[in-house]
Amino acid sequence: METTIMALTLDPRTAQAPKVQSVLTNHGCAIRARIGLHEQSSDFCSEKGLILLQLNSDLNEVEKLEKELLNLEGVKVKHMTL
């Protein structure tokens, strides 16, 4: 198995997060680590979100996950294999 880092952006974050979460849950066994980021302060919460994933899976599983995420409106995905 190879280690893959995948980055996805969500815009609008609040509308897309439940759909993205469903896809990530379906691929949960391939996800080793997940970090979710968005800009926020006491009076502002950004609608642009960023999720970083460390995947421990073969390339076929990575591509399947990427394809499902790209089918969601407002989601962009990039990945690199180490």
C-alpha atoms as a PDB file:
ATOM      1  CA  MET A   1       0.000   0.000   0.000  1.00  0.00           C
ATOM      2  CA  GLU A   2       1.121   3.514  -0.742  1.00  0.00           C
ATOM      3  CA  THR A   3       0.574   6.620   1.335  1.00  0.00           C
ATOM      4  CA  THR A   4      -1.475   9.280  -0.388  1.00  0.00           C
ATOM      5  CA  ILE A   5      -2.188  12.822   0.753  1.00  0.00           C
ATOM      6  CA  MET A   6      -5.476  14.188  -0.568  1.00  0.00           C
ATOM      7  CA  ALA A   7      -6.643  17.781  -0.265  1.00  0.00           C
ATOM      8  CA  LEU A   8     -10.209  18.811  -0.914  1.00  0.00           C
ATOM      9  CA  THR A   9     -11.873  22.190  -0.845  1.00  0.00           C
ATOM     10  CA  LEU A  10     -15.556  22.755  -0.169  1.00  0.00           C
ATOM     11  CA  ASP A  11     -17.399  25.891  -1.197  1.00  0.00           C
ATOM     12  CA  PRO A  12     -19.954  26.472   0.221  1.00  0.00           C
ATOM     13  CA  ARG A  13     -18.696  24.517   3.210  1.00  0.00           C
ATOM     14  CA  THR A  14     -21.883  24.353   5.265  1.00  0.00           C
ATOM     15  CA  ALA A  15     -23.971  23.080   2.348  1.00  0.00           C
ATOM     16  CA  GLN A  16     -21.438  20.494   1.165  1.00  0.00           C
ATOM     17  CA  ALA A  17     -20.067  19.174   4.476  1.00  0.00           C
ATOM     18  CA  PRO A  18     -22.830  16.574   5.091  1.00  0.00           C
ATOM     19  CA  LYS A  19     -22.444  15.120   1.585  1.00  0.00           C
ATOM     20  CA  VAL A  20     -18.648  15.042   1.850  1.00  0.00           C
ATOM     21  CA  GLN A  21     -18.886  13.430   5.285  1.00  0.00           C
ATOM     22  CA  SER A  22     -21.073  10.670   3.852  1.00  0.00           C
ATOM     23  CA  VAL A  23     -18.502   9.878   1.137  1.00  0.00           C
ATOM     24  CA  LEU A  24     -15.635   9.949   3.654  1.00  0.00           C
ATOM     25  CA  THR A  25     -17.536   7.638   5.995  1.00  0.00           C
ATOM     26  CA  ASN A  26     -18.031   5.153   3.151  1.00  0.00           C
ATOM     27  CA  HIS A  27     -14.244   5.139   2.627  1.00  0.00           C
ATOM     28  CA  GLY A  28     -13.342   5.314   6.315  1.00  0.00           C
ATOM     29  CA  CYS A  29     -11.111   2.235   6.288  1.00  0.00           C
ATOM     30  CA  ALA A  30      -8.801   3.946   3.772  1.00  0.00           C
ATOM     31  CA  ILE A  31      -8.435   7.141   5.840  1.00  0.00           C
ATOM     32  CA  ARG A  32      -5.602   7.135   8.363  1.00  0.00           C
ATOM     33  CA  ALA A  33      -5.782  10.830   9.338  1.00  0.00           C
ATOM     34  CA  ARG A  34      -8.067  13.773   8.619  1.00  0.00           C
ATOM     35  CA  ILE A  35      -7.657  17.486   9.280  1.00  0.00           C
ATOM     36  CA  GLY A  36     -10.449  19.971   8.593  1.00  0.00           C
ATOM     37  CA  LEU A  37      -9.698  23.686   8.329  1.00  0.00           C
ATOM     38  CA  HIS A  38     -11.679  26.830   7.708  1.00  0.00           C
ATOM     39  CA  GLU A  39     -11.083  30.469   8.533  1.00  0.00           C
ATOM     40  CA  GLN A  40     -13.057  31.724  11.508  1.00  0.00           C
ATOM     41  CA  SER A  41     -13.070  34.413  14.167  1.00  0.00           C
ATOM     42  CA  SER A  42     -15.530  35.626  16.790  1.00  0.00           C
ATOM     43  CA  ASP A  43     -17.611  37.401  14.136  1.00  0.00           C
ATOM     44  CA  PHE A  44     -16.814  35.454  10.946  1.00  0.00           C
ATOM     45  CA  CYS A  45     -16.908  31.860   9.749  1.00  0.00           C
ATOM     46  CA  SER A  46     -15.742  31.208   6.185  1.00  0.00           C
ATOM     47  CA  GLU A  47     -17.816  29.228   3.715  1.00  0.00           C
ATOM     48  CA  LYS A  48     -14.597  27.885   2.174  1.00  0.00           C
ATOM     49  CA  GLY A  49     -13.357  24.709   3.817  1.00  0.00           C
ATOM     50  CA  LEU A  50     -10.240  22.612   3.405  1.00  0.00           C
ATOM     51  CA  ILE A  51      -9.884  18.951   4.358  1.00  0.00           C
ATOM     52  CA  LEU A  52      -6.545  17.122   4.299  1.00  0.00           C
ATOM     53  CA  LEU A  53      -6.549  13.321   4.288  1.00  0.00           C
ATOM     54  CA  GLN A  54      -3.775  10.812   4.752  1.00  0.00           C
ATOM     55  CA  LEU A  55      -4.885   7.705   2.910  1.00  0.00           C
ATOM     56  CA  ASN A  56      -3.450   4.242   3.340  1.00  0.00           C
ATOM     57  CA  SER A  57      -4.884   2.457   0.343  1.00  0.00           C
ATOM     58  CA  ASP A  58      -4.110   1.308  -3.161  1.00  0.00           C
ATOM     59  CA  LEU A  59      -4.437   3.700  -6.090  1.00  0.00           C
ATOM     60  CA  ASN A  60      -7.745   2.170  -7.235  1.00  0.00           C
ATOM     61  CA  GLU A  61      -9.386   3.031  -3.894  1.00  0.00           C
ATOM     62  CA  VAL A  62      -7.890   6.542  -3.963  1.00  0.00           C
ATOM     63  CA  GLU A  63      -9.236   7.141  -7.462  1.00  0.00           C
ATOM     64  CA  LYS A  64     -12.662   5.809  -6.488  1.00  0.00           C
ATOM     65  CA  LEU A  65     -12.796   8.189  -3.504  1.00  0.00           C
ATOM     66  CA  GLU A  66     -11.625  11.096  -5.650  1.00  0.00           C
ATOM     67  CA  LYS A  67     -14.268  10.386  -8.305  1.00  0.00           C
ATOM     68  CA  GLU A  68     -17.071  10.285  -5.713  1.00  0.00           C
ATOM     69  CA  LEU A  69     -15.906  13.560  -4.177  1.00  0.00           C
ATOM     70  CA  LEU A  70     -15.616  15.286  -7.559  1.00  0.00           C
ATOM     71  CA  ASN A  71     -19.226  14.344  -8.311  1.00  0.00           C
ATOM     72  CA  LEU A  72     -20.278  16.709  -5.516  1.00  0.00           C
ATOM     73  CA  GLU A  73     -20.945  20.292  -6.533  1.00  0.00           C
ATOM     74  CA  GLY A  74     -18.487  22.779  -5.043  1.00  0.00           C
ATOM     75  CA  VAL A  75     -15.832  20.175  -4.183  1.00  0.00           C
ATOM     76  CA  LYS A  76     -12.325  20.212  -5.702  1.00  0.00           C
ATOM     77  CA  VAL A  77      -9.778  17.444  -5.108  1.00  0.00           C
ATOM     78  CA  LYS A  78      -6.033  16.982  -5.593  1.00  0.00           C
ATOM     79  CA  HIS A  79      -3.825  14.160  -4.378  1.00  0.00           C
ATOM     80  CA  MET A  80      -0.206  13.063  -4.323  1.00  0.00           C
ATOM     81  CA  THR A  81       1.265   9.670  -3.608  1.00  0.00           C
ATOM     82  CA  LEU A  82       4.402   9.318  -1.533  1.00  0.00           C
END
